[in-house]
Amino acid sequence: MKLNGRGPYLIVDPQGRSRTWLIAELDAVIGSGAKLVQLRDKSPWGSESRDFAERVLAICRKRQVPLIINDDPIRAQAIGADGVHLGRSDPSIGYARGLLGEQAMIGVSAYDDLERGCAAIQAGADYVALGSIYPSPTKPQAVRIPLDVLRSARSAMTAPICAIGGIRPDNARAVIQAGADWLAVLSGVWDAPDPVEAMRSLAQAFEADQAKPWVRYPGPAG
């Protein structure tokens, strides 16, 4: 399953949140507009974390939305997820591709480094994440990037761009207009008074934008 289209990218993270509550809310939240889901679970891999991952996967399968796992290709392989998202200290793209197969979806965090993002695309990444766009409650120490950097990235990169960091329904449209194909959201949904309505508003921000999807950009050379 490869990454297609554009839209809200929901991050599910049980840190500081009830796993039971997340599972109870997840189906409705995805159904209100999420097009891609990432599970970010930093707890040790055991029966509780695996059960939670499998329950998240089951809901994603029901909604026909891809699920990728943060950081860990082995966890992704263990539950049959659709791919993995890799940060600076995680395994390489090549390792993840070898473990998960050619159809796996592999994203890479480039932070504020456009050269890192372009190199990741050349190495086979399916999308690149840039941010933090706004102050992030989840990662308050994350390096900030202005929207002008996002615009520059859109001109330089030949794969979908995911913007992350402090994105909420009230600032989503500006990020989309700057060139983001995907908006990764965590606190902007899960800490909202109504997570379902927050996701619906994010989806509507894409519907209101008239830009064409990422495929308007040329593919990698060769």
N, C-alpha and C. Protein backbone atom coordinates (compact mmCIF):
# COMPACT_ATOMS: atom_id res chain seq x y z
N MET A 1 0.85 -1.19 0.00
CA MET A 1 0.00 0.00 0.00
C MET A 1 0.89 1.24 0.00
N LYS A 2 0.80 2.08 -1.02
CA LYS A 2 1.60 3.28 -1.12
C LYS A 2 0.78 4.49 -0.72
N LEU A 3 1.48 5.57 -0.40
CA LEU A 3 0.82 6.79 0.04
C LEU A 3 0.26 7.54 -1.15
N ASN A 4 -1.03 7.78 -1.12
CA ASN A 4 -1.70 8.51 -2.19
C ASN A 4 -2.56 9.62 -1.59
N GLY A 5 -2.77 10.66 -2.36
CA GLY A 5 -3.68 11.71 -1.95
C GLY A 5 -3.08 12.68 -0.96
N ARG A 6 -3.95 13.24 -0.13
CA ARG A 6 -3.56 14.25 0.85
C ARG A 6 -4.66 14.33 1.90
N GLY A 7 -4.35 14.87 3.05
CA GLY A 7 -5.38 14.98 4.08
C GLY A 7 -4.82 14.96 5.49
N PRO A 8 -5.69 14.87 6.47
CA PRO A 8 -5.27 14.80 7.87
C PRO A 8 -4.59 13.46 8.18
N TYR A 9 -3.54 13.55 8.96
CA TYR A 9 -2.70 12.41 9.33
C TYR A 9 -2.75 12.31 10.85
N LEU A 10 -3.52 11.40 11.36
CA LEU A 10 -3.78 11.29 12.79
C LEU A 10 -2.70 10.49 13.50
N ILE A 11 -2.15 11.06 14.57
CA ILE A 11 -1.19 10.34 15.40
C ILE A 11 -1.90 9.88 16.67
N VAL A 12 -1.76 8.60 16.98
CA VAL A 12 -2.34 7.99 18.18
C VAL A 12 -1.21 7.71 19.15
N ASP A 13 -1.24 8.36 20.31
CA ASP A 13 -0.16 8.23 21.29
C ASP A 13 -0.78 8.04 22.67
N PRO A 14 -0.57 6.89 23.31
CA PRO A 14 -1.18 6.65 24.61
C PRO A 14 -0.47 7.34 25.77
N GLN A 15 0.65 8.00 25.53
CA GLN A 15 1.33 8.68 26.63
C GLN A 15 0.45 9.80 27.19
N GLY A 16 0.08 9.66 28.44
CA GLY A 16 -0.76 10.66 29.08
C GLY A 16 -2.23 10.54 28.74
N ARG A 17 -2.59 9.50 28.00
CA ARG A 17 -3.98 9.29 27.61
C ARG A 17 -4.36 7.85 27.87
N SER A 18 -5.62 7.62 28.16
CA SER A 18 -6.10 6.27 28.40
C SER A 18 -6.19 5.49 27.10
N ARG A 19 -5.59 4.31 27.08
CA ARG A 19 -5.70 3.45 25.89
C ARG A 19 -7.17 3.10 25.63
N THR A 20 -7.89 2.85 26.71
CA THR A 20 -9.31 2.50 26.56
C THR A 20 -10.07 3.65 25.92
N TRP A 21 -9.81 4.87 26.36
CA TRP A 21 -10.49 6.04 25.80
C TRP A 21 -10.10 6.23 24.33
N LEU A 22 -8.83 6.08 24.01
CA LEU A 22 -8.39 6.24 22.62
C LEU A 22 -9.10 5.24 21.70
N ILE A 23 -9.16 3.99 22.13
CA ILE A 23 -9.83 2.98 21.31
C ILE A 23 -11.31 3.30 21.15
N ALA A 24 -11.93 3.77 22.23
CA ALA A 24 -13.37 4.10 22.17
C ALA A 24 -13.65 5.24 21.21
N GLU A 25 -12.71 6.19 21.09
CA GLU A 25 -12.91 7.35 20.24
C GLU A 25 -12.41 7.15 18.81
N LEU A 26 -11.49 6.22 18.62
CA LEU A 26 -10.72 6.18 17.37
C LEU A 26 -11.58 5.97 16.13
N ASP A 27 -12.52 5.07 16.18
CA ASP A 27 -13.32 4.79 14.99
C ASP A 27 -14.05 6.05 14.50
N ALA A 28 -14.67 6.77 15.41
CA ALA A 28 -15.41 7.97 15.03
C ALA A 28 -14.47 9.07 14.56
N VAL A 29 -13.31 9.18 15.20
CA VAL A 29 -12.36 10.22 14.78
C VAL A 29 -11.84 9.94 13.37
N ILE A 30 -11.44 8.71 13.12
CA ILE A 30 -10.99 8.37 11.76
C ILE A 30 -12.12 8.60 10.76
N GLY A 31 -13.32 8.19 11.13
CA GLY A 31 -14.45 8.33 10.23
C GLY A 31 -14.81 9.76 9.90
N SER A 32 -14.37 10.70 10.73
CA SER A 32 -14.70 12.11 10.46
C SER A 32 -13.67 12.78 9.55
N GLY A 33 -12.65 12.00 9.07
CA GLY A 33 -11.80 12.60 8.06
C GLY A 33 -10.35 12.21 8.01
N ALA A 34 -9.84 11.40 8.93
CA ALA A 34 -8.44 11.00 8.89
C ALA A 34 -8.18 10.11 7.67
N LYS A 35 -7.08 10.38 6.98
CA LYS A 35 -6.72 9.60 5.79
C LYS A 35 -5.51 8.71 6.01
N LEU A 36 -4.83 8.90 7.14
CA LEU A 36 -3.63 8.13 7.46
C LEU A 36 -3.48 8.17 8.97
N VAL A 37 -3.05 7.06 9.57
CA VAL A 37 -2.90 6.98 11.02
C VAL A 37 -1.50 6.47 11.34
N GLN A 38 -0.91 7.10 12.34
CA GLN A 38 0.37 6.63 12.89
C GLN A 38 0.18 6.28 14.36
N LEU A 39 0.69 5.14 14.75
CA LEU A 39 0.71 4.76 16.16
C LEU A 39 2.09 5.07 16.72
N ARG A 40 2.11 5.98 17.69
CA ARG A 40 3.35 6.34 18.39
C ARG A 40 3.21 5.85 19.83
N ASP A 41 3.86 4.75 20.12
CA ASP A 41 3.76 4.15 21.45
C ASP A 41 5.18 3.88 21.93
N LYS A 42 5.66 4.68 22.88
CA LYS A 42 7.03 4.58 23.37
C LYS A 42 7.18 3.55 24.49
N SER A 43 6.10 2.90 24.89
CA SER A 43 6.19 1.92 25.97
C SER A 43 6.86 0.64 25.46
N PRO A 44 7.44 -0.15 26.36
CA PRO A 44 8.07 -1.41 25.94
C PRO A 44 7.09 -2.32 25.20
N TRP A 45 7.62 -3.08 24.28
CA TRP A 45 6.79 -3.97 23.47
C TRP A 45 6.46 -5.22 24.28
N GLY A 46 5.23 -5.29 24.72
CA GLY A 46 4.77 -6.43 25.50
C GLY A 46 3.32 -6.70 25.18
N SER A 47 2.67 -7.49 26.02
CA SER A 47 1.30 -7.90 25.72
C SER A 47 0.35 -6.70 25.66
N GLU A 48 0.51 -5.71 26.55
CA GLU A 48 -0.39 -4.56 26.55
C GLU A 48 -0.20 -3.69 25.31
N SER A 49 1.05 -3.39 24.99
CA SER A 49 1.31 -2.52 23.84
C SER A 49 0.97 -3.23 22.53
N ARG A 50 1.22 -4.52 22.47
CA ARG A 50 0.86 -5.25 21.25
C ARG A 50 -0.64 -5.34 21.08
N ASP A 51 -1.35 -5.62 22.16
CA ASP A 51 -2.81 -5.68 22.08
C ASP A 51 -3.38 -4.33 21.63
N PHE A 52 -2.83 -3.26 22.17
CA PHE A 52 -3.30 -1.93 21.78
C PHE A 52 -3.02 -1.69 20.29
N ALA A 53 -1.83 -2.04 19.84
CA ALA A 53 -1.48 -1.84 18.43
C ALA A 53 -2.40 -2.64 17.52
N GLU A 54 -2.71 -3.85 17.90
CA GLU A 54 -3.59 -4.69 17.08
C GLU A 54 -5.01 -4.15 17.05
N ARG A 55 -5.45 -3.56 18.15
CA ARG A 55 -6.80 -2.97 18.17
C ARG A 55 -6.85 -1.71 17.31
N VAL A 56 -5.80 -0.92 17.36
CA VAL A 56 -5.73 0.26 16.48
C VAL A 56 -5.73 -0.20 15.02
N LEU A 57 -4.95 -1.22 14.71
CA LEU A 57 -4.89 -1.74 13.34
C LEU A 57 -6.26 -2.23 12.87
N ALA A 58 -6.98 -2.91 13.75
CA ALA A 58 -8.31 -3.44 13.36
C ALA A 58 -9.26 -2.30 13.00
N ILE A 59 -9.21 -1.21 13.75
CA ILE A 59 -10.07 -0.07 13.43
C ILE A 59 -9.66 0.56 12.12
N CYS A 60 -8.35 0.69 11.90
CA CYS A 60 -7.87 1.24 10.62
C CYS A 60 -8.30 0.37 9.45
N ARG A 61 -8.21 -0.95 9.63
CA ARG A 61 -8.64 -1.85 8.55
C ARG A 61 -10.14 -1.67 8.28
N LYS A 62 -10.93 -1.55 9.33
CA LYS A 62 -12.36 -1.35 9.17
C LYS A 62 -12.64 -0.08 8.37
N ARG A 63 -11.88 0.96 8.64
CA ARG A 63 -12.06 2.25 7.97
C ARG A 63 -11.28 2.36 6.66
N GLN A 64 -10.50 1.32 6.33
CA GLN A 64 -9.69 1.30 5.11
C GLN A 64 -8.73 2.49 5.06
N VAL A 65 -8.11 2.73 6.20
CA VAL A 65 -7.11 3.79 6.33
C VAL A 65 -5.78 3.14 6.71
N PRO A 66 -4.68 3.48 6.05
CA PRO A 66 -3.40 2.86 6.38
C PRO A 66 -2.93 3.19 7.79
N LEU A 67 -2.25 2.25 8.41
CA LEU A 67 -1.62 2.45 9.71
C LEU A 67 -0.12 2.27 9.57
N ILE A 68 0.62 3.26 10.05
CA ILE A 68 2.07 3.11 10.12
C ILE A 68 2.49 3.22 11.59
N ILE A 69 3.65 2.62 11.88
CA ILE A 69 4.17 2.57 13.24
C ILE A 69 5.34 3.52 13.37
N ASN A 70 5.37 4.28 14.44
CA ASN A 70 6.46 5.21 14.68
C ASN A 70 7.72 4.47 15.13
N ASP A 71 8.82 4.78 14.51
CA ASP A 71 10.18 4.38 14.94
C ASP A 71 10.59 2.95 14.64
N ASP A 72 9.70 1.99 14.71
CA ASP A 72 10.10 0.60 14.87
C ASP A 72 9.59 -0.32 13.76
N PRO A 73 10.42 -0.62 12.76
CA PRO A 73 9.99 -1.53 11.69
C PRO A 73 9.63 -2.93 12.20
N ILE A 74 10.28 -3.37 13.29
CA ILE A 74 9.99 -4.71 13.80
C ILE A 74 8.58 -4.78 14.36
N ARG A 75 8.16 -3.74 15.07
CA ARG A 75 6.77 -3.71 15.55
C ARG A 75 5.80 -3.67 14.37
N ALA A 76 6.15 -2.88 13.37
CA ALA A 76 5.28 -2.79 12.19
C ALA A 76 5.12 -4.15 11.54
N GLN A 77 6.22 -4.88 11.40
CA GLN A 77 6.16 -6.22 10.81
C GLN A 77 5.36 -7.16 11.69
N ALA A 78 5.52 -7.03 13.00
CA ALA A 78 4.89 -7.98 13.93
C ALA A 78 3.38 -7.96 13.85
N ILE A 79 2.78 -6.79 13.58
CA ILE A 79 1.31 -6.72 13.54
C ILE A 79 0.77 -6.61 12.11
N GLY A 80 1.67 -6.55 11.13
CA GLY A 80 1.22 -6.42 9.75
C GLY A 80 0.73 -5.03 9.42
N ALA A 81 1.36 -4.00 10.00
CA ALA A 81 1.00 -2.62 9.68
C ALA A 81 1.44 -2.28 8.26
N ASP A 82 1.02 -1.12 7.80
CA ASP A 82 1.27 -0.72 6.41
C ASP A 82 2.61 -0.04 6.20
N GLY A 83 3.30 0.28 7.28
CA GLY A 83 4.59 0.91 7.12
C GLY A 83 5.12 1.45 8.42
N VAL A 84 6.10 2.34 8.31
CA VAL A 84 6.82 2.84 9.47
C VAL A 84 7.24 4.28 9.23
N HIS A 85 7.35 5.03 10.33
CA HIS A 85 7.89 6.39 10.25
C HIS A 85 9.20 6.43 11.02
N LEU A 86 10.25 6.95 10.38
CA LEU A 86 11.60 6.89 10.92
C LEU A 86 12.13 8.27 11.27
N GLY A 87 12.72 8.37 12.46
CA GLY A 87 13.38 9.59 12.88
C GLY A 87 14.89 9.47 12.75
N ARG A 88 15.59 10.46 13.27
CA ARG A 88 17.03 10.56 13.10
C ARG A 88 17.77 9.37 13.71
N SER A 89 17.30 8.85 14.82
CA SER A 89 18.01 7.77 15.52
C SER A 89 17.42 6.39 15.25
N ASP A 90 16.53 6.30 14.31
CA ASP A 90 15.86 5.02 14.01
C ASP A 90 16.61 4.25 12.93
N PRO A 91 16.19 3.01 12.66
CA PRO A 91 16.84 2.24 11.60
C PRO A 91 16.76 2.95 10.24
N SER A 92 17.58 2.51 9.32
CA SER A 92 17.66 3.15 8.00
C SER A 92 16.44 2.80 7.14
N ILE A 93 16.26 3.61 6.10
CA ILE A 93 15.21 3.33 5.12
C ILE A 93 15.44 1.96 4.48
N GLY A 94 16.69 1.67 4.15
CA GLY A 94 17.01 0.40 3.51
C GLY A 94 16.66 -0.78 4.39
N TYR A 95 16.97 -0.68 5.67
CA TYR A 95 16.64 -1.77 6.60
C TYR A 95 15.12 -1.94 6.67
N ALA A 96 14.41 -0.83 6.83
CA ALA A 96 12.95 -0.91 6.93
C ALA A 96 12.33 -1.48 5.66
N ARG A 97 12.85 -1.05 4.52
CA ARG A 97 12.32 -1.55 3.24
C ARG A 97 12.59 -3.04 3.11
N GLY A 98 13.76 -3.48 3.49
CA GLY A 98 14.09 -4.90 3.41
C GLY A 98 13.22 -5.75 4.31
N LEU A 99 12.87 -5.21 5.47
CA LEU A 99 12.06 -5.96 6.42
C LEU A 99 10.59 -5.96 6.05
N LEU A 100 10.09 -4.81 5.57
CA LEU A 100 8.65 -4.63 5.37
C LEU A 100 8.21 -4.81 3.92
N GLY A 101 9.13 -4.77 2.97
CA GLY A 101 8.77 -5.00 1.58
C GLY A 101 8.59 -3.73 0.78
N GLU A 102 8.54 -3.90 -0.51
CA GLU A 102 8.49 -2.75 -1.43
C GLU A 102 7.19 -1.97 -1.31
N GLN A 103 6.12 -2.62 -0.90
CA GLN A 103 4.84 -1.91 -0.83
C GLN A 103 4.64 -1.19 0.50
N ALA A 104 5.56 -1.34 1.42
CA ALA A 104 5.43 -0.66 2.71
C ALA A 104 5.54 0.85 2.53
N MET A 105 4.85 1.56 3.36
CA MET A 105 4.87 3.02 3.37
C MET A 105 5.93 3.47 4.37
N ILE A 106 6.93 4.21 3.90
CA ILE A 106 8.01 4.64 4.77
C ILE A 106 8.10 6.16 4.75
N GLY A 107 7.90 6.75 5.92
CA GLY A 107 8.06 8.19 6.07
C GLY A 107 9.30 8.50 6.89
N VAL A 108 9.85 9.69 6.68
CA VAL A 108 11.07 10.10 7.37
C VAL A 108 10.91 11.51 7.90
N SER A 109 11.34 11.72 9.13
CA SER A 109 11.36 13.07 9.70
C SER A 109 12.60 13.81 9.21
N ALA A 110 12.38 14.96 8.60
CA ALA A 110 13.49 15.81 8.17
C ALA A 110 13.67 17.01 9.10
N TYR A 111 12.72 17.21 10.01
CA TYR A 111 12.79 18.31 10.98
C TYR A 111 12.81 19.65 10.23
N ASP A 112 13.92 20.40 10.31
CA ASP A 112 14.05 21.66 9.58
C ASP A 112 15.11 21.57 8.50
N ASP A 113 15.49 20.35 8.12
CA ASP A 113 16.64 20.10 7.25
C ASP A 113 16.17 19.64 5.87
N LEU A 114 16.15 20.56 4.91
CA LEU A 114 15.67 20.21 3.57
C LEU A 114 16.61 19.23 2.88
N GLU A 115 17.90 19.34 3.13
CA GLU A 115 18.85 18.40 2.52
C GLU A 115 18.58 16.98 3.02
N ARG A 116 18.30 16.84 4.30
CA ARG A 116 17.95 15.53 4.83
C ARG A 116 16.69 14.99 4.17
N GLY A 117 15.71 15.87 3.97
CA GLY A 117 14.47 15.45 3.33
C GLY A 117 14.70 14.98 1.90
N CYS A 118 15.46 15.74 1.13
CA CYS A 118 15.72 15.35 -0.26
C CYS A 118 16.51 14.05 -0.32
N ALA A 119 17.48 13.88 0.60
CA ALA A 119 18.26 12.64 0.63
C ALA A 119 17.37 11.45 0.97
N ALA A 120 16.42 11.65 1.87
CA ALA A 120 15.51 10.57 2.23
C ALA A 120 14.67 10.14 1.04
N ILE A 121 14.22 11.10 0.27
CA ILE A 121 13.43 10.78 -0.93
C ILE A 121 14.26 9.97 -1.90
N GLN A 122 15.50 10.39 -2.12
CA GLN A 122 16.38 9.66 -3.02
C GLN A 122 16.65 8.23 -2.51
N ALA A 123 16.62 8.06 -1.19
CA ALA A 123 16.86 6.74 -0.60
C ALA A 123 15.60 5.88 -0.56
N GLY A 124 14.47 6.44 -0.98
CA GLY A 124 13.26 5.64 -1.10
C GLY A 124 12.13 5.98 -0.14
N ALA A 125 12.22 7.11 0.57
CA ALA A 125 11.12 7.50 1.44
C ALA A 125 9.89 7.85 0.63
N ASP A 126 8.73 7.50 1.15
CA ASP A 126 7.47 7.78 0.45
C ASP A 126 6.93 9.16 0.79
N TYR A 127 7.34 9.71 1.92
CA TYR A 127 6.99 11.08 2.27
C TYR A 127 8.01 11.60 3.27
N VAL A 128 8.06 12.92 3.41
CA VAL A 128 8.98 13.57 4.34
C VAL A 128 8.16 14.44 5.28
N ALA A 129 8.47 14.38 6.58
CA ALA A 129 7.81 15.21 7.57
C ALA A 129 8.70 16.39 7.95
N LEU A 130 8.12 17.58 7.98
CA LEU A 130 8.84 18.80 8.33
C LEU A 130 8.15 19.49 9.50
N GLY A 131 8.90 20.04 10.40
CA GLY A 131 8.34 20.76 11.53
C GLY A 131 9.30 20.72 12.70
N SER A 132 8.94 21.48 13.69
CA SER A 132 7.62 21.88 14.11
C SER A 132 7.19 23.19 13.44
N ILE A 133 5.97 23.18 12.90
CA ILE A 133 5.46 24.37 12.24
C ILE A 133 5.07 25.43 13.27
N TYR A 134 4.37 25.02 14.29
CA TYR A 134 3.94 25.90 15.38
C TYR A 134 4.44 25.29 16.70
N PRO A 135 4.37 26.05 17.80
CA PRO A 135 4.75 25.46 19.09
C PRO A 135 3.96 24.18 19.37
N SER A 136 4.67 23.14 19.78
CA SER A 136 4.05 21.83 19.94
C SER A 136 3.95 21.45 21.40
N PRO A 137 2.75 21.20 21.90
CA PRO A 137 2.61 20.70 23.28
C PRO A 137 3.26 19.33 23.47
N THR A 138 3.32 18.55 22.41
CA THR A 138 3.90 17.21 22.50
C THR A 138 5.41 17.25 22.56
N LYS A 139 6.02 18.14 21.73
CA LYS A 139 7.48 18.28 21.71
C LYS A 139 7.83 19.77 21.81
N PRO A 140 7.75 20.32 23.02
CA PRO A 140 7.95 21.77 23.17
C PRO A 140 9.34 22.25 22.80
N GLN A 141 10.34 21.34 22.79
CA GLN A 141 11.71 21.74 22.45
C GLN A 141 12.02 21.58 20.96
N ALA A 142 11.06 21.15 20.18
CA ALA A 142 11.31 20.91 18.75
C ALA A 142 11.68 22.21 18.04
N VAL A 143 12.59 22.10 17.09
CA VAL A 143 12.99 23.25 16.28
C VAL A 143 11.80 23.71 15.45
N ARG A 144 11.57 25.00 15.43
CA ARG A 144 10.47 25.57 14.64
C ARG A 144 10.94 25.89 13.22
N ILE A 145 10.04 25.74 12.26
CA ILE A 145 10.32 26.20 10.91
C ILE A 145 9.19 27.11 10.44
N PRO A 146 9.53 28.22 9.80
CA PRO A 146 8.48 29.11 9.29
C PRO A 146 7.83 28.52 8.04
N LEU A 147 6.69 29.05 7.71
CA LEU A 147 5.99 28.56 6.53
C LEU A 147 6.78 28.80 5.25
N ASP A 148 7.66 29.81 5.23
CA ASP A 148 8.48 30.04 4.05
C ASP A 148 9.40 28.85 3.76
N VAL A 149 9.87 28.19 4.82
CA VAL A 149 10.71 27.00 4.63
C VAL A 149 9.87 25.87 4.03
N LEU A 150 8.64 25.77 4.46
CA LEU A 150 7.74 24.77 3.89
C LEU A 150 7.52 25.04 2.40
N ARG A 151 7.38 26.31 2.05
CA ARG A 151 7.21 26.66 0.64
C ARG A 151 8.46 26.29 -0.16
N SER A 152 9.63 26.54 0.41
CA SER A 152 10.87 26.17 -0.27
C SER A 152 10.98 24.66 -0.44
N ALA A 153 10.56 23.94 0.59
CA ALA A 153 10.59 22.48 0.51
C ALA A 153 9.69 21.98 -0.60
N ARG A 154 8.54 22.63 -0.76
CA ARG A 154 7.61 22.19 -1.79
C ARG A 154 8.23 22.31 -3.17
N SER A 155 9.07 23.31 -3.38
CA SER A 155 9.74 23.48 -4.66
C SER A 155 10.88 22.49 -4.85
N ALA A 156 11.48 22.07 -3.74
CA ALA A 156 12.68 21.24 -3.82
C ALA A 156 12.40 19.75 -3.78
N MET A 157 11.30 19.33 -3.18
CA MET A 157 11.07 17.92 -2.92
C MET A 157 10.12 17.30 -3.93
N THR A 158 10.36 16.03 -4.20
CA THR A 158 9.61 15.33 -5.23
C THR A 158 8.72 14.24 -4.66
N ALA A 159 8.36 14.36 -3.41
CA ALA A 159 7.46 13.42 -2.75
C ALA A 159 6.54 14.21 -1.84
N PRO A 160 5.48 13.59 -1.34
CA PRO A 160 4.57 14.30 -0.45
C PRO A 160 5.26 14.85 0.79
N ILE A 161 4.80 15.99 1.24
CA ILE A 161 5.32 16.63 2.44
C ILE A 161 4.25 16.58 3.53
N CYS A 162 4.68 16.11 4.69
CA CYS A 162 3.82 16.10 5.87
C CYS A 162 4.30 17.19 6.82
N ALA A 163 3.43 18.11 7.16
CA ALA A 163 3.75 19.14 8.15
C ALA A 163 3.32 18.65 9.52
N ILE A 164 4.13 18.96 10.54
CA ILE A 164 3.84 18.49 11.89
C ILE A 164 4.21 19.57 12.90
N GLY A 165 3.52 19.56 14.02
CA GLY A 165 3.87 20.45 15.11
C GLY A 165 2.87 21.56 15.35
N GLY A 166 2.04 21.40 16.36
CA GLY A 166 1.13 22.46 16.77
C GLY A 166 0.01 22.76 15.80
N ILE A 167 -0.29 21.84 14.92
CA ILE A 167 -1.32 22.09 13.90
C ILE A 167 -2.69 21.80 14.49
N ARG A 168 -3.60 22.75 14.27
CA ARG A 168 -4.97 22.67 14.79
C ARG A 168 -5.92 23.12 13.68
N PRO A 169 -7.21 22.90 13.87
CA PRO A 169 -8.16 23.35 12.84
C PRO A 169 -8.06 24.83 12.50
N ASP A 170 -7.70 25.67 13.48
CA ASP A 170 -7.69 27.11 13.21
C ASP A 170 -6.44 27.60 12.48
N ASN A 171 -5.40 26.75 12.36
CA ASN A 171 -4.22 27.18 11.59
C ASN A 171 -3.90 26.25 10.43
N ALA A 172 -4.73 25.25 10.22
CA ALA A 172 -4.44 24.22 9.21
C ALA A 172 -4.41 24.78 7.80
N ARG A 173 -5.32 25.68 7.48
CA ARG A 173 -5.42 26.16 6.10
C ARG A 173 -4.13 26.84 5.64
N ALA A 174 -3.51 27.62 6.52
CA ALA A 174 -2.26 28.31 6.15
C ALA A 174 -1.16 27.31 5.83
N VAL A 175 -1.13 26.20 6.55
CA VAL A 175 -0.09 25.19 6.33
C VAL A 175 -0.34 24.46 5.01
N ILE A 176 -1.58 24.18 4.72
CA ILE A 176 -1.93 23.55 3.44
C ILE A 176 -1.55 24.48 2.29
N GLN A 177 -1.86 25.74 2.41
CA GLN A 177 -1.56 26.70 1.34
C GLN A 177 -0.06 26.89 1.15
N ALA A 178 0.72 26.62 2.19
CA ALA A 178 2.17 26.72 2.07
C ALA A 178 2.78 25.51 1.37
N GLY A 179 1.99 24.46 1.16
CA GLY A 179 2.48 23.32 0.39
C GLY A 179 2.40 21.97 1.04
N ALA A 180 1.83 21.87 2.23
CA ALA A 180 1.73 20.57 2.89
C ALA A 180 0.68 19.69 2.23
N ASP A 181 1.04 18.44 2.00
CA ASP A 181 0.09 17.46 1.48
C ASP A 181 -0.64 16.74 2.61
N TRP A 182 0.04 16.62 3.73
CA TRP A 182 -0.50 15.93 4.89
C TRP A 182 -0.26 16.78 6.12
N LEU A 183 -1.21 16.80 7.04
CA LEU A 183 -1.08 17.50 8.31
C LEU A 183 -1.10 16.47 9.42
N ALA A 184 0.04 16.28 10.07
CA ALA A 184 0.11 15.35 11.20
C ALA A 184 -0.41 16.04 12.44
N VAL A 185 -1.38 15.43 13.09
CA VAL A 185 -2.02 16.05 14.25
C VAL A 185 -2.11 15.06 15.40
N LEU A 186 -1.79 15.56 16.59
CA LEU A 186 -1.91 14.75 17.80
C LEU A 186 -2.74 15.53 18.82
N SER A 187 -2.11 16.48 19.50
CA SER A 187 -2.85 17.26 20.50
C SER A 187 -3.96 18.09 19.87
N GLY A 188 -3.77 18.49 18.60
CA GLY A 188 -4.79 19.29 17.92
C GLY A 188 -6.11 18.57 17.77
N VAL A 189 -6.09 17.25 17.87
CA VAL A 189 -7.32 16.45 17.86
C VAL A 189 -7.63 15.91 19.25
N TRP A 190 -6.67 15.19 19.83
CA TRP A 190 -6.95 14.46 21.06
C TRP A 190 -7.16 15.36 22.28
N ASP A 191 -6.61 16.57 22.25
CA ASP A 191 -6.81 17.50 23.36
C ASP A 191 -7.93 18.50 23.09
N ALA A 192 -8.57 18.38 21.95
CA ALA A 192 -9.70 19.27 21.63
C ALA A 192 -10.92 18.87 22.45
N PRO A 193 -11.82 19.82 22.72
CA PRO A 193 -13.05 19.48 23.46
C PRO A 193 -13.86 18.37 22.79
N ASP A 194 -13.82 18.35 21.45
CA ASP A 194 -14.53 17.32 20.69
C ASP A 194 -13.59 16.81 19.61
N PRO A 195 -12.89 15.70 19.84
CA PRO A 195 -11.93 15.19 18.86
C PRO A 195 -12.55 14.91 17.49
N VAL A 196 -13.78 14.43 17.48
CA VAL A 196 -14.43 14.13 16.20
C VAL A 196 -14.64 15.42 15.39
N GLU A 197 -15.10 16.45 16.04
CA GLU A 197 -15.32 17.72 15.35
C GLU A 197 -13.99 18.35 14.92
N ALA A 198 -12.95 18.20 15.74
CA ALA A 198 -11.64 18.73 15.36
C ALA A 198 -11.14 18.05 14.09
N MET A 199 -11.28 16.74 14.01
CA MET A 199 -10.84 16.04 12.79
C MET A 199 -11.70 16.44 11.60
N ARG A 200 -12.98 16.61 11.81
CA ARG A 200 -13.86 17.04 10.72
C ARG A 200 -13.43 18.41 10.18
N SER A 201 -13.06 19.30 11.07
CA SER A 201 -12.63 20.63 10.66
C SER A 201 -11.32 20.58 9.87
N LEU A 202 -10.41 19.70 10.27
CA LEU A 202 -9.16 19.54 9.53
C LEU A 202 -9.43 19.01 8.12
N ALA A 203 -10.32 18.05 8.02
CA ALA A 203 -10.67 17.52 6.70
C ALA A 203 -11.31 18.60 5.83
N GLN A 204 -12.12 19.43 6.43
CA GLN A 204 -12.77 20.51 5.68
C GLN A 204 -11.76 21.54 5.20
N ALA A 205 -10.66 21.71 5.93
CA ALA A 205 -9.62 22.64 5.49
C ALA A 205 -9.01 22.18 4.17
N PHE A 206 -8.86 20.87 4.00
CA PHE A 206 -8.37 20.36 2.72
C PHE A 206 -9.42 20.52 1.63
N GLU A 207 -10.66 20.26 1.96
CA GLU A 207 -11.72 20.40 0.97
C GLU A 207 -11.84 21.83 0.47
N ALA A 208 -11.58 22.80 1.37
CA ALA A 208 -11.69 24.20 0.99
C ALA A 208 -10.53 24.66 0.13
N ASP A 209 -9.41 23.98 0.23
CA ASP A 209 -8.23 24.38 -0.53
C ASP A 209 -8.32 23.83 -1.95
N GLN A 210 -7.98 24.66 -2.90
CA GLN A 210 -8.14 24.26 -4.30
C GLN A 210 -6.84 23.76 -4.92
N ALA A 211 -5.76 23.69 -4.14
CA ALA A 211 -4.49 23.23 -4.70
C ALA A 211 -4.61 21.78 -5.15
N LYS A 212 -3.84 21.42 -6.15
CA LYS A 212 -3.85 20.05 -6.63
C LYS A 212 -3.03 19.18 -5.68
N PRO A 213 -3.25 17.86 -5.70
CA PRO A 213 -2.48 16.99 -4.82
C PRO A 213 -1.01 16.92 -5.23
N TRP A 214 -0.21 16.24 -4.41
CA TRP A 214 1.24 16.26 -4.56
C TRP A 214 1.72 15.73 -5.90
N VAL A 215 0.93 14.93 -6.59
CA VAL A 215 1.39 14.34 -7.84
C VAL A 215 1.67 15.36 -8.91
N ARG A 216 1.35 16.63 -8.68
CA ARG A 216 1.72 17.66 -9.65
C ARG A 216 3.22 17.88 -9.69
N TYR A 217 3.95 17.34 -8.69
CA TYR A 217 5.39 17.54 -8.63
C TYR A 217 6.07 16.37 -9.32
N PRO A 218 7.18 16.62 -10.02
CA PRO A 218 7.84 15.56 -10.76
C PRO A 218 8.41 14.49 -9.84
N GLY A 219 8.44 13.26 -10.33
CA GLY A 219 9.01 12.19 -9.54
C GLY A 219 10.52 12.27 -9.54
N PRO A 220 11.15 11.44 -8.67
CA PRO A 220 12.61 11.43 -8.60
C PRO A 220 13.25 11.07 -9.93
N ALA A 221 14.37 11.69 -10.20
CA ALA A 221 15.07 11.42 -11.45
C ALA A 221 15.53 9.96 -11.49
N GLY A 222 15.53 9.38 -12.67
CA GLY A 222 15.99 8.01 -12.84
C GLY A 222 14.89 7.02 -12.58
